[in-house]
Amino acid sequence: MAHPAADPLSVVLKACRRHLTTAAAFGLALNCLHLAGPLYMMQVYDRVLGSGSQMTLVMLTVAVLAAYGALAGLDRARGDVMAAASLRLDRLLSGPAFSAMMRETDGRSRSQALRDLDACRQLVTSPAISGLLDLPWVLIYAVAVFVLHWALGLFTLVCMALLLGLAVLSEARLRASARETHASAVESHQWADQCLRNGDVARALGLLPDLVHRWIGLRRGVVTQQQLLAARTASMTALVRFLRLAMQSLVLGLGAWLAIGHAITPGAIFAASLLLGRALQPVEQVIGQWQTIIGARAAWTRLGNALDGAQSAGTAGLRPVPSERSILVGDQLGFAVGGRRAPLLAGLNFRVAPGECVGLIGPSGAGKSTLVRLMVGAAVPTTGALRFDGIPVDSWWP
């Protein structure tokens, strides 16, 4: 018994799980090593300046430089892991994406699947993925600040909650705008591809100036929407940056207040500021890359739909073998070209038995060539069905 084919994207994610797990583990180590800077500053202020020990200063400096060296090495290793994940993603999906592109027959952009694959692959190696991998570990810094003083820790949690709330608000505010922007960009690319496929005819009919005029209109609309989305993203990023800087200054003031009351040491003031800044950095980074993340998410969805369509169009295992009694049947057959209001073919019913000769007559543009393309599987019906020996015609071809 044949089992249903697995979701192609689920298979890819499972194959890349090892890379993502390794990168997440590197993120834990990286964020722990980032504690070296605040600890170094606190020890210098509290121990070295108080004791005047130069040897203590030298040893602390050597230790923090070693920690920074390990941090740089792990950061480079995580980048290599994500580059390997991007390469594996491309190896697993480039073939199916190209196959889906070649199967595209409904007038949409045939290269859209490849563009979506590039968008997903580029996200894996972008700064956005680093921010997403670091987000779960920001609680490390909150715990470290709580060790200094509970009031500083509580202030840090409030700041983190505020920025995370802004991130959710940013996603809700930009989601619809990003969806419209990407839809307009895809539509413009699809229309350009259609013009390229029919460029010779357009030039012969003198339609080139009109096509250029319409393309300019489409392009201006896309660019305007992209600028609006970029402006909204920049505004949200600027707000988050302002809040982060303000919060770092406020935590210095709170630390000074606590230090005056001898609740913390002077070195803890600056350590708390550094820890808070590091805790808020991934949130700021994710919000700054939000447009890239939304675009890649939409591309991943489109790519999954394209691969599912290509997978359902083919058949697994052995192909059926035609017999001498095979019959070609059209049942409410219809075909519509993208961008046209009226379908090219609609409601066709016919039956062609073995040995029969059928002629197709009609004016230019009536759909004769389209019907032949449907018969040989070069196009897929948009409505109804075309069956050969009881099996959809497009299922006869790999």
Protein backbone atom coordinates (compact mmCIF):
# COMPACT_ATOMS: atom_id res chain seq x y z
CA MET A 1 0.00 0.00 0.00
CA ALA A 2 1.44 3.37 -1.01
CA HIS A 3 1.92 5.91 1.71
CA PRO A 4 1.18 9.58 1.14
CA ALA A 5 4.22 11.68 0.34
CA ALA A 6 5.58 13.73 3.18
CA ASP A 7 5.46 17.50 3.17
CA PRO A 8 8.67 18.59 1.35
CA LEU A 9 9.31 21.51 3.70
CA SER A 10 8.84 19.31 6.78
CA VAL A 11 11.44 16.93 5.41
CA VAL A 12 13.85 19.83 4.84
CA LEU A 13 13.35 21.20 8.35
CA LYS A 14 13.99 17.77 9.80
CA ALA A 15 17.19 17.47 7.75
CA CYS A 16 18.39 20.89 9.00
CA ARG A 17 17.40 20.27 12.63
CA ARG A 18 20.95 19.29 13.60
CA HIS A 19 22.33 22.60 12.30
CA LEU A 20 19.69 24.62 14.13
CA THR A 21 20.22 22.70 17.38
CA THR A 22 23.97 23.23 17.18
CA ALA A 23 23.52 26.95 16.49
CA ALA A 24 21.17 27.25 19.46
CA ALA A 25 23.74 25.53 21.70
CA PHE A 26 26.38 27.97 20.46
CA GLY A 27 23.97 30.77 21.34
CA LEU A 28 23.87 29.60 24.96
CA ALA A 29 27.66 29.55 25.17
CA LEU A 30 27.97 32.93 23.44
CA ASN A 31 25.56 34.63 25.80
CA CYS A 32 27.35 33.16 28.83
CA LEU A 33 30.66 34.48 27.49
CA HIS A 34 29.12 37.93 27.05
CA LEU A 35 28.96 38.08 30.85
CA ALA A 36 32.75 38.44 30.88
CA GLY A 37 32.65 42.17 30.11
CA PRO A 38 30.33 43.20 32.98
CA LEU A 39 32.15 40.91 35.41
CA TYR A 40 35.50 42.38 34.38
CA MET A 41 34.28 45.94 34.87
CA MET A 42 32.75 45.13 38.26
CA GLN A 43 35.94 43.42 39.49
CA VAL A 44 38.12 46.29 38.30
CA TYR A 45 36.00 48.87 40.12
CA ASP A 46 35.47 46.86 43.29
CA ARG A 47 38.75 44.96 43.68
CA VAL A 48 41.54 46.52 41.64
CA LEU A 49 40.84 50.17 42.40
CA GLY A 50 40.27 49.39 46.07
CA SER A 51 43.35 47.20 46.57
CA GLY A 52 45.68 48.79 44.01
CA SER A 53 46.87 45.31 42.96
CA GLN A 54 48.40 45.41 39.48
CA MET A 55 48.73 41.60 39.35
CA THR A 56 44.99 41.25 39.92
CA LEU A 57 44.38 43.66 37.06
CA VAL A 58 46.71 41.72 34.74
CA MET A 59 45.08 38.39 35.54
CA LEU A 60 41.58 39.79 35.11
CA THR A 61 42.57 41.30 31.77
CA VAL A 62 44.06 38.01 30.55
CA ALA A 63 40.90 36.17 31.60
CA VAL A 64 38.55 38.60 29.84
CA LEU A 65 40.67 38.54 26.67
CA ALA A 66 40.54 34.73 26.69
CA ALA A 67 36.76 34.89 27.08
CA TYR A 68 36.49 37.33 24.18
CA GLY A 69 38.70 35.07 22.04
CA ALA A 70 36.44 32.11 22.76
CA LEU A 71 33.40 34.28 22.04
CA ALA A 72 34.78 35.30 18.64
CA GLY A 73 35.59 31.69 17.79
CA LEU A 74 32.12 30.47 18.75
CA ASP A 75 30.50 33.31 16.84
CA ARG A 76 32.46 32.33 13.75
CA ALA A 77 31.55 28.67 14.30
CA ARG A 78 27.86 29.53 14.57
CA GLY A 79 28.12 31.49 11.33
CA ASP A 80 29.70 28.46 9.65
CA VAL A 81 26.91 26.21 10.97
CA MET A 82 24.23 28.51 9.60
CA ALA A 83 26.08 28.76 6.27
CA ALA A 84 26.08 24.95 6.13
CA ALA A 85 22.34 24.97 6.93
CA SER A 86 21.77 27.44 4.10
CA LEU A 87 23.73 25.24 1.70
CA ARG A 88 21.80 22.14 2.77
CA LEU A 89 18.53 24.01 2.35
CA ASP A 90 19.53 24.94 -1.18
CA ARG A 91 20.62 21.40 -2.05
CA LEU A 92 17.37 19.91 -0.81
CA LEU A 93 14.99 22.47 -2.32
CA SER A 94 16.66 23.76 -5.48
CA GLY A 95 15.64 20.69 -7.51
CA PRO A 96 12.00 20.62 -6.34
CA ALA A 97 11.75 24.41 -6.72
CA PHE A 98 13.04 24.21 -10.29
CA SER A 99 10.61 21.37 -11.01
CA ALA A 100 7.74 23.44 -9.60
CA MET A 101 8.85 26.36 -11.78
CA MET A 102 8.80 24.18 -14.90
CA ARG A 103 5.34 22.84 -14.02
CA GLU A 104 3.86 26.32 -13.61
CA THR A 105 1.22 26.83 -16.31
CA ASP A 106 -1.37 29.23 -14.92
CA GLY A 107 0.34 32.45 -15.99
CA ARG A 108 2.03 33.26 -12.69
CA SER A 109 5.72 34.11 -12.45
CA ARG A 110 7.50 30.89 -13.29
CA SER A 111 10.67 31.95 -11.48
CA GLN A 112 8.87 32.91 -8.26
CA ALA A 113 9.70 29.58 -6.59
CA LEU A 114 13.42 30.19 -7.12
CA ARG A 115 13.17 33.74 -5.77
CA ASP A 116 11.31 32.43 -2.71
CA LEU A 117 14.02 29.81 -2.16
CA ASP A 118 16.71 32.51 -2.29
CA ALA A 119 14.78 34.63 0.23
CA CYS A 120 14.54 31.71 2.67
CA ARG A 121 18.17 30.74 2.20
CA GLN A 122 19.39 34.30 2.75
CA LEU A 123 17.41 34.59 5.99
CA VAL A 124 19.35 31.65 7.43
CA THR A 125 22.64 33.57 7.12
CA SER A 126 21.26 37.04 7.92
CA PRO A 127 21.63 38.97 11.22
CA ALA A 128 17.93 38.31 11.83
CA ILE A 129 18.53 34.64 12.56
CA SER A 130 21.23 35.54 15.12
CA GLY A 131 18.77 37.74 16.98
CA LEU A 132 16.13 35.01 16.94
CA LEU A 133 18.61 32.43 18.26
CA ASP A 134 19.71 34.77 21.05
CA LEU A 135 16.20 35.70 22.20
CA PRO A 136 15.65 32.61 24.43
CA TRP A 137 18.90 33.27 26.31
CA VAL A 138 18.25 36.88 27.35
CA LEU A 139 16.94 35.55 30.65
CA ILE A 140 20.57 34.76 31.52
CA TYR A 141 21.23 38.48 31.81
CA ALA A 142 18.08 39.03 33.85
CA VAL A 143 19.25 36.41 36.33
CA ALA A 144 22.71 38.01 36.46
CA VAL A 145 21.19 41.41 37.22
CA PHE A 146 18.99 39.88 39.93
CA VAL A 147 22.20 38.60 41.55
CA LEU A 148 23.38 42.21 41.80
CA HIS A 149 20.12 43.46 43.36
CA TRP A 150 16.48 42.51 43.12
CA ALA A 151 15.41 46.07 42.19
CA LEU A 152 17.84 46.10 39.25
CA GLY A 153 16.59 42.67 38.18
CA LEU A 154 12.96 43.75 38.35
CA PHE A 155 13.77 46.87 36.30
CA THR A 156 15.48 44.66 33.72
CA LEU A 157 12.45 42.36 33.45
CA VAL A 158 10.13 45.34 32.97
CA CYS A 159 12.37 46.70 30.20
CA MET A 160 12.52 43.33 28.47
CA ALA A 161 8.74 42.91 28.69
CA LEU A 162 8.24 46.40 27.26
CA LEU A 163 10.51 45.76 24.26
CA LEU A 164 9.00 42.33 23.63
CA GLY A 165 5.56 43.95 23.69
CA LEU A 166 6.79 46.47 21.13
CA ALA A 167 8.05 43.58 19.00
CA VAL A 168 4.59 41.97 19.04
CA LEU A 169 2.99 45.34 18.27
CA SER A 170 5.44 45.86 15.42
CA GLU A 171 4.56 42.48 13.94
CA ALA A 172 0.83 43.22 14.14
CA ARG A 173 1.29 46.68 12.65
CA LEU A 174 3.60 45.68 9.82
CA ARG A 175 2.05 42.30 8.91
CA ALA A 176 -0.68 43.60 6.60
CA SER A 177 1.57 46.23 5.03
CA ALA A 178 4.31 43.67 4.41
CA ARG A 179 1.83 41.21 2.91
CA GLU A 180 0.51 43.85 0.50
CA THR A 181 4.02 44.98 -0.42
CA HIS A 182 5.22 41.48 -1.20
CA ALA A 183 2.02 40.67 -3.10
CA SER A 184 2.49 43.78 -5.25
CA ALA A 185 6.13 42.89 -5.89
CA VAL A 186 5.20 39.35 -6.90
CA GLU A 187 2.45 40.68 -9.20
CA SER A 188 4.89 43.05 -10.91
CA HIS A 189 7.40 40.24 -11.46
CA GLN A 190 4.68 37.98 -12.83
CA TRP A 191 3.52 40.65 -15.25
CA ALA A 192 7.10 41.30 -16.38
CA ASP A 193 7.60 37.57 -17.00
CA GLN A 194 4.44 37.46 -19.11
CA CYS A 195 5.67 40.42 -21.15
CA LEU A 196 9.00 38.70 -21.72
CA ARG A 197 7.32 35.51 -22.90
CA ASN A 198 5.27 37.50 -25.41
CA GLY A 199 7.86 40.16 -26.25
CA ASP A 200 8.06 39.39 -29.97
CA VAL A 201 4.30 39.65 -30.43
CA ALA A 202 4.15 42.86 -28.38
CA ARG A 203 6.84 44.51 -30.51
CA ALA A 204 5.19 43.37 -33.74
CA LEU A 205 1.84 44.85 -32.65
CA GLY A 206 3.40 48.11 -31.48
CA LEU A 207 2.39 47.52 -27.86
CA LEU A 208 5.81 48.17 -26.36
CA PRO A 209 5.17 51.82 -25.30
CA ASP A 210 1.91 50.83 -23.59
CA LEU A 211 3.61 47.92 -21.83
CA VAL A 212 6.42 50.19 -20.63
CA HIS A 213 3.87 52.72 -19.35
CA ARG A 214 1.97 50.07 -17.41
CA TRP A 215 5.20 48.61 -16.04
CA ILE A 216 6.26 52.02 -14.76
CA GLY A 217 2.89 52.36 -12.99
CA LEU A 218 3.20 48.93 -11.38
CA ARG A 219 6.79 49.60 -10.38
CA ARG A 220 5.97 52.95 -8.81
CA GLY A 221 3.23 51.35 -6.76
CA VAL A 222 5.61 48.65 -5.51
CA VAL A 223 8.38 51.11 -4.68
CA THR A 224 5.93 53.39 -2.86
CA GLN A 225 4.66 50.51 -0.72
CA GLN A 226 8.21 49.36 -0.03
CA GLN A 227 9.20 52.86 1.07
CA LEU A 228 6.15 53.07 3.34
CA LEU A 229 6.98 49.70 4.90
CA ALA A 230 10.64 50.69 5.31
CA ALA A 231 9.61 53.98 6.94
CA ARG A 232 7.33 52.20 9.43
CA THR A 233 10.06 49.68 10.21
CA ALA A 234 12.62 52.46 10.67
CA SER A 235 10.25 54.34 13.00
CA MET A 236 9.76 51.27 15.16
CA THR A 237 13.50 50.57 15.16
CA ALA A 238 14.26 54.17 16.18
CA LEU A 239 11.73 53.95 19.02
CA VAL A 240 13.26 50.71 20.27
CA ARG A 241 16.78 52.17 20.08
CA PHE A 242 15.66 55.26 22.02
CA LEU A 243 14.07 53.09 24.70
CA ARG A 244 17.13 50.88 24.98
CA LEU A 245 19.48 53.84 25.43
CA ALA A 246 17.10 55.50 27.87
CA MET A 247 16.75 52.29 29.86
CA GLN A 248 20.52 51.88 30.08
CA SER A 249 20.82 55.41 31.44
CA LEU A 250 17.93 54.89 33.87
CA VAL A 251 19.48 51.72 35.24
CA LEU A 252 22.66 53.72 35.89
CA GLY A 253 20.60 56.18 37.89
CA LEU A 254 18.87 53.40 39.78
CA GLY A 255 22.21 51.76 40.46
CA ALA A 256 23.66 55.02 41.74
CA TRP A 257 20.66 55.43 44.05
CA LEU A 258 21.25 51.93 45.44
CA ALA A 259 25.00 52.52 45.72
CA ILE A 260 24.40 55.71 47.75
CA GLY A 261 22.45 53.58 50.21
CA HIS A 262 25.28 50.99 50.18
CA ALA A 263 22.93 48.33 48.75
CA ILE A 264 25.35 47.58 45.87
CA THR A 265 28.97 48.35 45.05
CA PRO A 266 29.96 51.06 42.54
CA GLY A 267 31.13 48.41 40.06
CA ALA A 268 27.67 46.86 40.03
CA ILE A 269 26.26 50.11 38.63
CA PHE A 270 28.15 49.77 35.35
CA ALA A 271 27.78 45.98 35.25
CA ALA A 272 24.00 46.35 35.45
CA SER A 273 24.02 48.85 32.58
CA LEU A 274 26.08 46.53 30.37
CA LEU A 275 23.94 43.52 31.23
CA LEU A 276 20.72 45.39 30.48
CA GLY A 277 22.07 46.62 27.15
CA ARG A 278 23.09 43.09 26.17
CA ALA A 279 19.70 41.70 27.23
CA LEU A 280 17.84 44.19 25.04
CA GLN A 281 20.14 43.92 22.02
CA PRO A 282 18.55 40.76 20.47
CA VAL A 283 15.08 42.31 20.70
CA GLU A 284 16.30 45.46 18.96
CA GLN A 285 18.07 43.35 16.34
CA VAL A 286 14.95 41.30 15.58
CA ILE A 287 12.76 44.40 15.26
CA GLY A 288 15.32 46.00 12.94
CA GLN A 289 15.24 42.91 10.72
CA TRP A 290 11.47 42.47 10.95
CA GLN A 291 10.89 43.30 7.28
CA THR A 292 13.34 40.57 6.25
CA ILE A 293 11.72 38.07 8.59
CA ILE A 294 8.20 38.77 7.33
CA GLY A 295 9.34 38.56 3.71
CA ALA A 296 11.08 35.24 4.28
CA ARG A 297 8.03 33.85 6.10
CA ALA A 298 5.78 34.77 3.17
CA ALA A 299 8.31 33.28 0.75
CA TRP A 300 8.41 30.04 2.78
CA THR A 301 4.60 29.80 2.60
CA ARG A 302 4.55 30.40 -1.17
CA LEU A 303 7.36 27.91 -1.68
CA GLY A 304 5.48 25.28 0.31
CA ASN A 305 2.35 25.83 -1.78
CA ALA A 306 4.36 25.57 -5.01
CA LEU A 307 6.05 22.35 -3.91
CA ASP A 308 2.76 20.84 -2.74
CA GLY A 309 1.21 21.66 -6.11
CA ALA A 310 4.11 20.13 -7.99
CA GLN A 311 4.02 17.05 -5.78
CA SER A 312 0.28 16.51 -6.29
CA ALA A 313 0.65 17.04 -10.03
CA GLY A 314 3.02 14.10 -10.34
CA THR A 315 2.39 10.47 -9.49
CA ALA A 316 4.64 8.13 -7.61
CA GLY A 317 5.71 4.70 -8.76
CA LEU A 318 4.94 3.17 -12.18
CA ARG A 319 2.93 5.12 -14.72
CA PRO A 320 -0.23 3.60 -16.17
CA VAL A 321 0.13 1.94 -19.55
CA PRO A 322 -2.36 3.06 -22.24
CA SER A 323 -4.44 0.36 -23.85
CA GLU A 324 -6.12 0.09 -27.25
CA ARG A 325 -9.45 0.83 -25.58
CA SER A 326 -8.33 4.05 -23.86
CA ILE A 327 -10.84 6.89 -24.18
CA LEU A 328 -10.19 10.65 -23.89
CA VAL A 329 -13.02 12.39 -21.99
CA GLY A 330 -13.52 16.07 -21.25
CA ASP A 331 -15.90 16.82 -18.38
CA GLN A 332 -16.89 20.48 -17.94
CA LEU A 333 -13.37 21.31 -19.05
CA GLY A 334 -12.25 24.91 -18.56
CA PHE A 335 -9.05 26.93 -18.70
CA ALA A 336 -8.48 30.52 -17.66
CA VAL A 337 -5.36 32.58 -18.26
CA GLY A 338 -4.13 34.75 -15.38
CA GLY A 339 -5.10 38.39 -15.83
CA ARG A 340 -8.10 37.67 -18.11
CA ARG A 341 -11.64 38.06 -16.84
CA ALA A 342 -13.29 35.57 -19.22
CA PRO A 343 -11.93 31.99 -19.37
CA LEU A 344 -10.39 30.88 -22.63
CA LEU A 345 -12.25 27.55 -22.44
CA ALA A 346 -15.35 26.86 -20.38
CA GLY A 347 -17.77 23.95 -19.95
CA LEU A 348 -16.37 21.66 -22.70
CA ASN A 349 -17.78 18.14 -22.76
CA PHE A 350 -16.53 15.59 -25.27
CA ARG A 351 -15.59 11.95 -25.68
CA VAL A 352 -13.02 10.62 -28.14
CA ALA A 353 -13.01 6.83 -28.60
CA PRO A 354 -10.14 4.80 -30.11
CA GLY A 355 -9.99 5.13 -33.91
CA GLU A 356 -12.04 8.35 -34.05
CA CYS A 357 -10.74 11.44 -35.86
CA VAL A 358 -11.73 14.80 -34.38
CA GLY A 359 -11.19 18.18 -36.01
CA LEU A 360 -10.94 21.50 -34.19
CA ILE A 361 -12.28 24.58 -35.95
CA GLY A 362 -12.82 28.10 -34.77
CA PRO A 363 -11.55 31.67 -35.08
CA SER A 364 -8.16 32.82 -33.85
CA GLY A 365 -8.05 32.95 -30.06
CA ALA A 366 -10.94 30.53 -29.61
CA GLY A 367 -8.73 28.12 -27.62
CA LYS A 368 -7.83 25.44 -30.17
CA SER A 369 -4.12 25.42 -29.33
CA THR A 370 -4.94 25.62 -25.64
CA LEU A 371 -7.13 22.53 -25.88
CA VAL A 372 -4.31 20.63 -27.59
CA ARG A 373 -1.90 21.73 -24.86
CA LEU A 374 -4.35 20.41 -22.27
CA MET A 375 -4.58 17.10 -24.11
CA VAL A 376 -0.82 16.52 -24.06
CA GLY A 377 -0.41 17.65 -20.45
CA ALA A 378 1.41 20.90 -21.27
CA ALA A 379 -1.26 22.80 -19.32
CA VAL A 380 -3.52 21.92 -16.39
CA PRO A 381 -7.30 22.57 -16.48
CA THR A 382 -8.49 25.29 -14.12
CA THR A 383 -12.00 23.81 -13.96
CA GLY A 384 -13.47 20.44 -14.83
CA ALA A 385 -11.38 17.43 -15.77
CA LEU A 386 -9.67 15.90 -18.78
CA ARG A 387 -9.23 12.13 -18.40
CA PHE A 388 -7.46 9.56 -20.51
CA ASP A 389 -8.49 6.01 -19.69
CA GLY A 390 -10.18 7.37 -16.56
CA ILE A 391 -7.00 9.05 -15.26
CA PRO A 392 -6.34 12.82 -15.35
CA VAL A 393 -4.13 13.60 -18.33
CA ASP A 394 -1.55 15.51 -16.26
CA SER A 395 -1.07 12.42 -14.06
CA TRP A 396 0.38 10.49 -17.01
CA TRP A 397 3.48 12.66 -17.03
CA PRO A 398 6.24 12.70 -14.40
